[in-house]
Structures are given as structure tokens and as C-alpha cells.
Amino acid sequence: MILSVLADIFTIIGGLAVLLGLLQYRSNSRLERARWLASLYDKFYEKVHLKRVREVLDSKAVALQEIKQKVSDAELSDYLNFFEFVAVLKKSGQLKQEEVEDLFGYYLGRLSDKPEIRDYIVRNGYELLDVLLRDRAKGK
């Protein structure tokens, strides 16, 4: 009888240890996600060349040619590669759609509402960014 009670106690303790482990894992996952978001925020909002592209996309320049007169091909490429990376993180589950929208929704919208930029994205191999923009349009 004592052995049975001890076995039950150890089972309960083991179950509690598993539960505490899962709670700790969840907490660590949130912390890691917050670090990713902070890092992405810093990269996007602190880099001067990305800022120039943001400003041009916010301006009245709508044609790709107008945009390319104001920023270099390398700057535009860096900007789109940044969002391609965000799309990779979303696809791999490192970022949630809500997090992507909270930090970058406005700027993704600016890419979406410029047809020539959308065509450029498709033609130049930004496949995951294209998927991300299409999913946004569908409300996913």
C-alpha cells in the first residue's frame, strides 16, 4: 500500500514537472519572439538606406521609374530582401501574421498598392514576399 501511494505521489510530481517545463518553454518562446521583433524593428527603422526607400514609397512617386530615380537599385533590393526575410520567418513559424502586421503592415500595404512594384517583386524572385502580400490581400 505504501508503495502504491509513493508511486501515485511520484506520478503527480512528474506531471507537475512536465507542466512546469511546458510553461517555461512557452515563456522562453515568447521571449525569443520578442527578441526577433526587436531586432527586426531596429534593422528596419534604424537603417538609413531603408529609410530612404520608405520615404520614397510614402511619397507620390508611384511609377517604378520614379522610385528608381530617387533610390538606387541596391537600396530597393535591400528593402525587398528585408521583407523577403520577414516572409521566411513567418513561413517558418518564427513570426505570426499578427506580429508582421503590427510592425510592418503599413509598409507592406505600400508595396501592395503600387502595381509596378508588385510586378517587380514577382519578376525578380521575391517569391515569399509575393506570397506574403497575396495572403495579406486575402486576409490571411
N, C-alpha and C. Protein backbone atom coordinates (compact mmCIF):
# COMPACT_ATOMS: atom_id res chain seq x y z
N MET A 1 0.81 -1.18 0.00
CA MET A 1 0.00 0.00 0.00
C MET A 1 0.86 1.26 0.00
N ILE A 2 1.91 1.26 0.81
CA ILE A 2 2.80 2.41 0.86
C ILE A 2 3.46 2.62 -0.50
N LEU A 3 3.84 1.52 -1.15
CA LEU A 3 4.45 1.63 -2.47
C LEU A 3 3.47 2.22 -3.48
N SER A 4 2.23 1.86 -3.37
CA SER A 4 1.22 2.39 -4.27
C SER A 4 1.04 3.89 -4.08
N VAL A 5 1.02 4.34 -2.83
CA VAL A 5 0.89 5.77 -2.51
C VAL A 5 2.11 6.52 -3.01
N LEU A 6 3.30 5.96 -2.79
CA LEU A 6 4.53 6.59 -3.27
C LEU A 6 4.54 6.69 -4.80
N ALA A 7 4.08 5.65 -5.45
CA ALA A 7 4.02 5.66 -6.91
C ALA A 7 3.07 6.76 -7.39
N ASP A 8 1.95 6.92 -6.71
CA ASP A 8 0.99 7.98 -7.07
C ASP A 8 1.61 9.36 -6.85
N ILE A 9 2.33 9.52 -5.75
CA ILE A 9 2.98 10.81 -5.45
C ILE A 9 4.01 11.14 -6.52
N PHE A 10 4.83 10.14 -6.90
CA PHE A 10 5.84 10.38 -7.92
C PHE A 10 5.21 10.67 -9.29
N THR A 11 4.09 10.05 -9.56
CA THR A 11 3.37 10.32 -10.80
C THR A 11 2.88 11.77 -10.82
N ILE A 12 2.33 12.20 -9.68
CA ILE A 12 1.85 13.59 -9.58
C ILE A 12 3.01 14.56 -9.71
N ILE A 13 4.12 14.29 -9.02
CA ILE A 13 5.30 15.16 -9.09
C ILE A 13 5.84 15.21 -10.52
N GLY A 14 5.88 14.06 -11.17
CA GLY A 14 6.34 14.01 -12.57
C GLY A 14 5.45 14.83 -13.48
N GLY A 15 4.14 14.73 -13.27
CA GLY A 15 3.20 15.51 -14.07
C GLY A 15 3.37 17.00 -13.85
N LEU A 16 3.60 17.38 -12.60
CA LEU A 16 3.84 18.80 -12.29
C LEU A 16 5.13 19.29 -12.92
N ALA A 17 6.15 18.45 -12.91
CA ALA A 17 7.44 18.82 -13.52
C ALA A 17 7.27 19.04 -15.03
N VAL A 18 6.51 18.16 -15.67
CA VAL A 18 6.25 18.31 -17.11
C VAL A 18 5.48 19.60 -17.37
N LEU A 19 4.46 19.87 -16.57
CA LEU A 19 3.67 21.09 -16.72
C LEU A 19 4.53 22.33 -16.54
N LEU A 20 5.38 22.34 -15.51
CA LEU A 20 6.27 23.49 -15.29
C LEU A 20 7.25 23.64 -16.44
N GLY A 21 7.73 22.55 -16.97
CA GLY A 21 8.64 22.59 -18.12
C GLY A 21 7.96 23.20 -19.34
N LEU A 22 6.71 22.82 -19.59
CA LEU A 22 5.97 23.38 -20.72
C LEU A 22 5.72 24.87 -20.54
N LEU A 23 5.40 25.27 -19.32
CA LEU A 23 5.19 26.69 -19.05
C LEU A 23 6.47 27.48 -19.25
N GLN A 24 7.60 26.92 -18.83
CA GLN A 24 8.89 27.59 -19.03
C GLN A 24 9.23 27.69 -20.51
N TYR A 25 8.98 26.63 -21.26
CA TYR A 25 9.22 26.63 -22.71
C TYR A 25 8.38 27.71 -23.38
N ARG A 26 7.13 27.80 -23.00
CA ARG A 26 6.24 28.82 -23.58
C ARG A 26 6.75 30.23 -23.28
N SER A 27 7.18 30.44 -22.05
CA SER A 27 7.72 31.73 -21.66
C SER A 27 8.98 32.06 -22.46
N ASN A 28 9.86 31.08 -22.62
CA ASN A 28 11.09 31.28 -23.39
C ASN A 28 10.78 31.55 -24.86
N SER A 29 9.78 30.89 -25.40
CA SER A 29 9.39 31.11 -26.80
C SER A 29 8.90 32.54 -27.00
N ARG A 30 8.12 33.02 -26.07
CA ARG A 30 7.64 34.42 -26.16
C ARG A 30 8.80 35.40 -26.10
N LEU A 31 9.73 35.12 -25.22
CA LEU A 31 10.90 35.98 -25.08
C LEU A 31 11.72 35.98 -26.37
N GLU A 32 11.92 34.83 -26.94
CA GLU A 32 12.67 34.73 -28.20
C GLU A 32 11.95 35.46 -29.33
N ARG A 33 10.64 35.33 -29.39
CA ARG A 33 9.85 36.03 -30.42
C ARG A 33 9.98 37.54 -30.22
N ALA A 34 9.96 37.99 -28.98
CA ALA A 34 10.11 39.42 -28.70
C ALA A 34 11.49 39.90 -29.14
N ARG A 35 12.51 39.09 -28.95
CA ARG A 35 13.85 39.45 -29.42
C ARG A 35 13.90 39.58 -30.93
N TRP A 36 13.27 38.63 -31.63
CA TRP A 36 13.20 38.69 -33.09
C TRP A 36 12.53 39.99 -33.53
N LEU A 37 11.42 40.30 -32.89
CA LEU A 37 10.68 41.50 -33.27
C LEU A 37 11.50 42.77 -33.01
N ALA A 38 12.17 42.82 -31.88
CA ALA A 38 13.01 43.99 -31.57
C ALA A 38 14.15 44.12 -32.56
N SER A 39 14.74 43.01 -32.92
CA SER A 39 15.83 43.02 -33.90
C SER A 39 15.33 43.49 -35.27
N LEU A 40 14.21 42.97 -35.68
CA LEU A 40 13.64 43.39 -36.97
C LEU A 40 13.27 44.86 -36.96
N TYR A 41 12.70 45.29 -35.86
CA TYR A 41 12.33 46.70 -35.73
C TYR A 41 13.57 47.58 -35.88
N ASP A 42 14.63 47.23 -35.16
CA ASP A 42 15.87 48.01 -35.24
C ASP A 42 16.41 48.04 -36.66
N LYS A 43 16.46 46.89 -37.30
CA LYS A 43 17.00 46.85 -38.66
C LYS A 43 16.17 47.69 -39.62
N PHE A 44 14.88 47.60 -39.50
CA PHE A 44 14.02 48.29 -40.46
C PHE A 44 13.96 49.80 -40.22
N TYR A 45 13.84 50.20 -39.00
CA TYR A 45 13.62 51.62 -38.71
C TYR A 45 14.90 52.40 -38.46
N GLU A 46 16.02 51.72 -38.29
CA GLU A 46 17.27 52.42 -37.99
C GLU A 46 18.19 52.57 -39.20
N LYS A 47 18.08 51.72 -40.20
CA LYS A 47 18.97 51.76 -41.35
C LYS A 47 18.59 52.90 -42.29
N VAL A 48 19.58 53.76 -42.59
CA VAL A 48 19.33 54.95 -43.41
C VAL A 48 18.85 54.58 -44.81
N HIS A 49 19.47 53.59 -45.44
CA HIS A 49 19.07 53.26 -46.82
C HIS A 49 17.66 52.68 -46.87
N LEU A 50 17.23 51.99 -45.83
CA LEU A 50 15.84 51.51 -45.80
C LEU A 50 14.89 52.67 -45.56
N LYS A 51 15.33 53.62 -44.79
CA LYS A 51 14.51 54.81 -44.53
C LYS A 51 14.26 55.59 -45.83
N ARG A 52 15.29 55.70 -46.66
CA ARG A 52 15.11 56.42 -47.93
C ARG A 52 14.05 55.73 -48.79
N VAL A 53 14.08 54.44 -48.85
CA VAL A 53 13.08 53.71 -49.65
C VAL A 53 11.70 53.90 -49.04
N ARG A 54 11.60 53.83 -47.72
CA ARG A 54 10.30 54.07 -47.06
C ARG A 54 9.76 55.44 -47.43
N GLU A 55 10.62 56.45 -47.38
CA GLU A 55 10.18 57.81 -47.69
C GLU A 55 9.71 57.94 -49.13
N VAL A 56 10.41 57.30 -50.05
CA VAL A 56 10.02 57.36 -51.46
C VAL A 56 8.70 56.64 -51.67
N LEU A 57 8.54 55.47 -51.05
CA LEU A 57 7.28 54.75 -51.20
C LEU A 57 6.12 55.50 -50.56
N ASP A 58 6.41 56.32 -49.56
CA ASP A 58 5.37 57.15 -48.93
C ASP A 58 5.04 58.39 -49.76
N SER A 59 5.94 58.75 -50.66
CA SER A 59 5.72 59.95 -51.46
C SER A 59 4.71 59.67 -52.57
N LYS A 60 4.52 60.63 -53.40
CA LYS A 60 3.56 60.48 -54.50
C LYS A 60 4.14 59.68 -55.67
N ALA A 61 5.40 59.31 -55.58
CA ALA A 61 6.02 58.52 -56.64
C ALA A 61 5.33 57.16 -56.70
N VAL A 62 4.71 56.88 -57.82
CA VAL A 62 4.01 55.61 -57.94
C VAL A 62 4.63 54.71 -59.00
N ALA A 63 5.21 55.31 -60.01
CA ALA A 63 5.82 54.51 -61.07
C ALA A 63 7.17 54.00 -60.60
N LEU A 64 7.50 52.80 -61.02
CA LEU A 64 8.77 52.20 -60.65
C LEU A 64 9.93 53.09 -61.10
N GLN A 65 9.81 53.68 -62.27
CA GLN A 65 10.87 54.55 -62.79
C GLN A 65 11.08 55.75 -61.87
N GLU A 66 10.01 56.33 -61.38
CA GLU A 66 10.12 57.46 -60.44
C GLU A 66 10.83 57.02 -59.16
N ILE A 67 10.48 55.86 -58.68
CA ILE A 67 11.08 55.34 -57.46
C ILE A 67 12.57 55.11 -57.67
N LYS A 68 12.93 54.51 -58.81
CA LYS A 68 14.33 54.21 -59.10
C LYS A 68 15.16 55.48 -59.34
N GLN A 69 14.52 56.59 -59.65
CA GLN A 69 15.26 57.85 -59.78
C GLN A 69 15.65 58.39 -58.42
N LYS A 70 14.94 57.98 -57.39
CA LYS A 70 15.17 58.52 -56.04
C LYS A 70 15.96 57.59 -55.13
N VAL A 71 15.95 56.31 -55.44
CA VAL A 71 16.74 55.35 -54.66
C VAL A 71 17.49 54.43 -55.62
N SER A 72 18.61 53.91 -55.16
CA SER A 72 19.39 53.03 -56.01
C SER A 72 18.76 51.64 -56.09
N ASP A 73 19.18 50.91 -57.11
CA ASP A 73 18.72 49.52 -57.23
C ASP A 73 19.10 48.71 -56.00
N ALA A 74 20.28 48.98 -55.46
CA ALA A 74 20.75 48.25 -54.27
C ALA A 74 19.87 48.56 -53.06
N GLU A 75 19.47 49.83 -52.92
CA GLU A 75 18.60 50.19 -51.79
C GLU A 75 17.24 49.51 -51.92
N LEU A 76 16.68 49.53 -53.11
CA LEU A 76 15.40 48.87 -53.34
C LEU A 76 15.52 47.37 -53.09
N SER A 77 16.61 46.79 -53.55
CA SER A 77 16.84 45.36 -53.34
C SER A 77 16.96 45.03 -51.85
N ASP A 78 17.71 45.84 -51.10
CA ASP A 78 17.83 45.63 -49.65
C ASP A 78 16.47 45.70 -48.97
N TYR A 79 15.68 46.66 -49.39
CA TYR A 79 14.35 46.86 -48.81
C TYR A 79 13.48 45.62 -49.05
N LEU A 80 13.46 45.16 -50.29
CA LEU A 80 12.65 43.99 -50.62
C LEU A 80 13.21 42.72 -49.99
N ASN A 81 14.54 42.62 -49.91
CA ASN A 81 15.15 41.46 -49.23
C ASN A 81 14.80 41.43 -47.75
N PHE A 82 14.69 42.60 -47.14
CA PHE A 82 14.28 42.66 -45.74
C PHE A 82 12.91 42.00 -45.59
N PHE A 83 11.98 42.38 -46.45
CA PHE A 83 10.63 41.81 -46.34
C PHE A 83 10.59 40.35 -46.78
N GLU A 84 11.48 39.95 -47.67
CA GLU A 84 11.59 38.53 -48.03
C GLU A 84 12.01 37.74 -46.79
N PHE A 85 12.94 38.29 -46.01
CA PHE A 85 13.37 37.65 -44.76
C PHE A 85 12.23 37.58 -43.76
N VAL A 86 11.47 38.64 -43.64
CA VAL A 86 10.29 38.63 -42.75
C VAL A 86 9.35 37.51 -43.19
N ALA A 87 9.15 37.37 -44.50
CA ALA A 87 8.27 36.32 -45.02
C ALA A 87 8.82 34.93 -44.70
N VAL A 88 10.13 34.77 -44.75
CA VAL A 88 10.76 33.49 -44.37
C VAL A 88 10.48 33.18 -42.90
N LEU A 89 10.64 34.18 -42.05
CA LEU A 89 10.39 33.98 -40.62
C LEU A 89 8.92 33.65 -40.35
N LYS A 90 8.03 34.28 -41.09
CA LYS A 90 6.61 33.97 -40.93
C LYS A 90 6.32 32.54 -41.39
N LYS A 91 6.85 32.18 -42.55
CA LYS A 91 6.60 30.84 -43.07
C LYS A 91 7.14 29.75 -42.14
N SER A 92 8.28 30.02 -41.49
CA SER A 92 8.88 29.02 -40.61
C SER A 92 8.23 29.00 -39.23
N GLY A 93 7.30 29.91 -38.98
CA GLY A 93 6.61 29.94 -37.69
C GLY A 93 7.32 30.77 -36.64
N GLN A 94 8.42 31.41 -37.01
CA GLN A 94 9.13 32.26 -36.05
C GLN A 94 8.37 33.55 -35.75
N LEU A 95 7.59 34.00 -36.72
CA LEU A 95 6.75 35.19 -36.56
C LEU A 95 5.31 34.83 -36.91
N LYS A 96 4.40 35.46 -36.22
CA LYS A 96 2.98 35.28 -36.51
C LYS A 96 2.52 36.41 -37.44
N GLN A 97 1.47 36.13 -38.18
CA GLN A 97 0.92 37.14 -39.09
C GLN A 97 0.58 38.43 -38.35
N GLU A 98 0.01 38.30 -37.18
CA GLU A 98 -0.37 39.48 -36.39
C GLU A 98 0.85 40.33 -36.04
N GLU A 99 1.96 39.69 -35.73
CA GLU A 99 3.18 40.42 -35.41
C GLU A 99 3.73 41.14 -36.63
N VAL A 100 3.70 40.45 -37.76
CA VAL A 100 4.15 41.06 -39.01
C VAL A 100 3.30 42.29 -39.32
N GLU A 101 2.00 42.15 -39.16
CA GLU A 101 1.09 43.27 -39.42
C GLU A 101 1.31 44.42 -38.45
N ASP A 102 1.50 44.10 -37.18
CA ASP A 102 1.70 45.14 -36.18
C ASP A 102 2.92 46.00 -36.49
N LEU A 103 4.00 45.36 -36.89
CA LEU A 103 5.24 46.10 -37.14
C LEU A 103 5.35 46.67 -38.55
N PHE A 104 4.87 45.92 -39.55
CA PHE A 104 5.17 46.28 -40.93
C PHE A 104 3.96 46.37 -41.85
N GLY A 105 2.77 46.25 -41.29
CA GLY A 105 1.57 46.24 -42.12
C GLY A 105 1.45 47.44 -43.05
N TYR A 106 1.73 48.61 -42.52
CA TYR A 106 1.61 49.82 -43.34
C TYR A 106 2.55 49.75 -44.54
N TYR A 107 3.80 49.36 -44.31
CA TYR A 107 4.79 49.33 -45.38
C TYR A 107 4.55 48.20 -46.37
N LEU A 108 4.03 47.08 -45.88
CA LEU A 108 3.63 46.02 -46.80
C LEU A 108 2.47 46.50 -47.67
N GLY A 109 1.58 47.26 -47.08
CA GLY A 109 0.48 47.85 -47.85
C GLY A 109 0.98 48.80 -48.92
N ARG A 110 2.03 49.56 -48.61
CA ARG A 110 2.60 50.49 -49.59
C ARG A 110 3.20 49.72 -50.75
N LEU A 111 3.76 48.56 -50.49
CA LEU A 111 4.27 47.72 -51.59
C LEU A 111 3.12 47.18 -52.42
N SER A 112 2.06 46.76 -51.74
CA SER A 112 0.91 46.16 -52.42
C SER A 112 0.17 47.14 -53.30
N ASP A 113 0.10 48.40 -52.88
CA ASP A 113 -0.73 49.33 -53.63
C ASP A 113 -0.01 50.00 -54.80
N LYS A 114 1.18 49.55 -55.10
CA LYS A 114 1.93 50.06 -56.25
C LYS A 114 2.10 48.91 -57.26
N PRO A 115 1.23 48.86 -58.28
CA PRO A 115 1.25 47.73 -59.21
C PRO A 115 2.61 47.45 -59.85
N GLU A 116 3.35 48.49 -60.17
CA GLU A 116 4.66 48.25 -60.79
C GLU A 116 5.63 47.60 -59.81
N ILE A 117 5.53 47.96 -58.55
CA ILE A 117 6.38 47.33 -57.53
C ILE A 117 5.98 45.87 -57.37
N ARG A 118 4.68 45.60 -57.36
CA ARG A 118 4.21 44.21 -57.26
C ARG A 118 4.75 43.38 -58.42
N ASP A 119 4.69 43.94 -59.63
CA ASP A 119 5.24 43.23 -60.79
C ASP A 119 6.74 43.01 -60.63
N TYR A 120 7.44 44.01 -60.15
CA TYR A 120 8.88 43.92 -59.93
C TYR A 120 9.19 42.80 -58.93
N ILE A 121 8.42 42.72 -57.88
CA ILE A 121 8.61 41.68 -56.86
C ILE A 121 8.47 40.30 -57.49
N VAL A 122 7.45 40.12 -58.30
CA VAL A 122 7.20 38.83 -58.94
C VAL A 122 8.32 38.51 -59.94
N ARG A 123 8.68 39.48 -60.77
CA ARG A 123 9.69 39.26 -61.82
C ARG A 123 11.09 39.02 -61.28
N ASN A 124 11.37 39.51 -60.09
CA ASN A 124 12.74 39.46 -59.59
C ASN A 124 12.96 38.44 -58.48
N GLY A 125 12.07 37.50 -58.35
CA GLY A 125 12.32 36.35 -57.50
C GLY A 125 12.07 36.51 -56.01
N TYR A 126 11.26 37.46 -55.64
CA TYR A 126 10.90 37.61 -54.22
C TYR A 126 9.64 36.78 -53.95
N GLU A 127 9.79 35.46 -54.10
CA GLU A 127 8.64 34.57 -54.06
C GLU A 127 7.89 34.61 -52.73
N LEU A 128 8.61 34.55 -51.63
CA LEU A 128 7.93 34.51 -50.34
C LEU A 128 7.30 35.86 -50.00
N LEU A 129 7.94 36.94 -50.41
CA LEU A 129 7.33 38.26 -50.23
C LEU A 129 6.05 38.35 -51.05
N ASP A 130 6.07 37.81 -52.25
CA ASP A 130 4.87 37.80 -53.09
C ASP A 130 3.75 37.02 -52.40
N VAL A 131 4.08 35.86 -51.84
CA VAL A 131 3.09 35.06 -51.12
C VAL A 131 2.55 35.84 -49.92
N LEU A 132 3.45 36.48 -49.18
CA LEU A 132 3.03 37.27 -48.01
C LEU A 132 2.06 38.37 -48.42
N LEU A 133 2.37 39.07 -49.50
CA LEU A 133 1.49 40.15 -49.96
C LEU A 133 0.15 39.60 -50.46
N ARG A 134 0.19 38.47 -51.16
CA ARG A 134 -1.08 37.87 -51.62
C ARG A 134 -1.92 37.39 -50.45
N ASP A 135 -1.29 36.79 -49.45
CA ASP A 135 -2.01 36.33 -48.26
C ASP A 135 -2.64 37.52 -47.52
N ARG A 136 -1.92 38.63 -47.45
CA ARG A 136 -2.48 39.83 -46.81
C ARG A 136 -3.73 40.29 -47.54
N ALA A 137 -3.67 40.25 -48.87
CA ALA A 137 -4.81 40.70 -49.67
C ALA A 137 -6.03 39.80 -49.45
N LYS A 138 -5.77 38.52 -49.16
CA LYS A 138 -6.86 37.57 -48.89
C LYS A 138 -7.33 37.62 -47.44
N GLY A 139 -6.58 38.37 -46.62
CA GLY A 139 -6.96 38.48 -45.21
C GLY A 139 -6.44 37.34 -44.36
N LYS A 140 -5.41 36.64 -44.81
CA LYS A 140 -4.84 35.52 -44.03
C LYS A 140 -3.87 36.02 -43.01
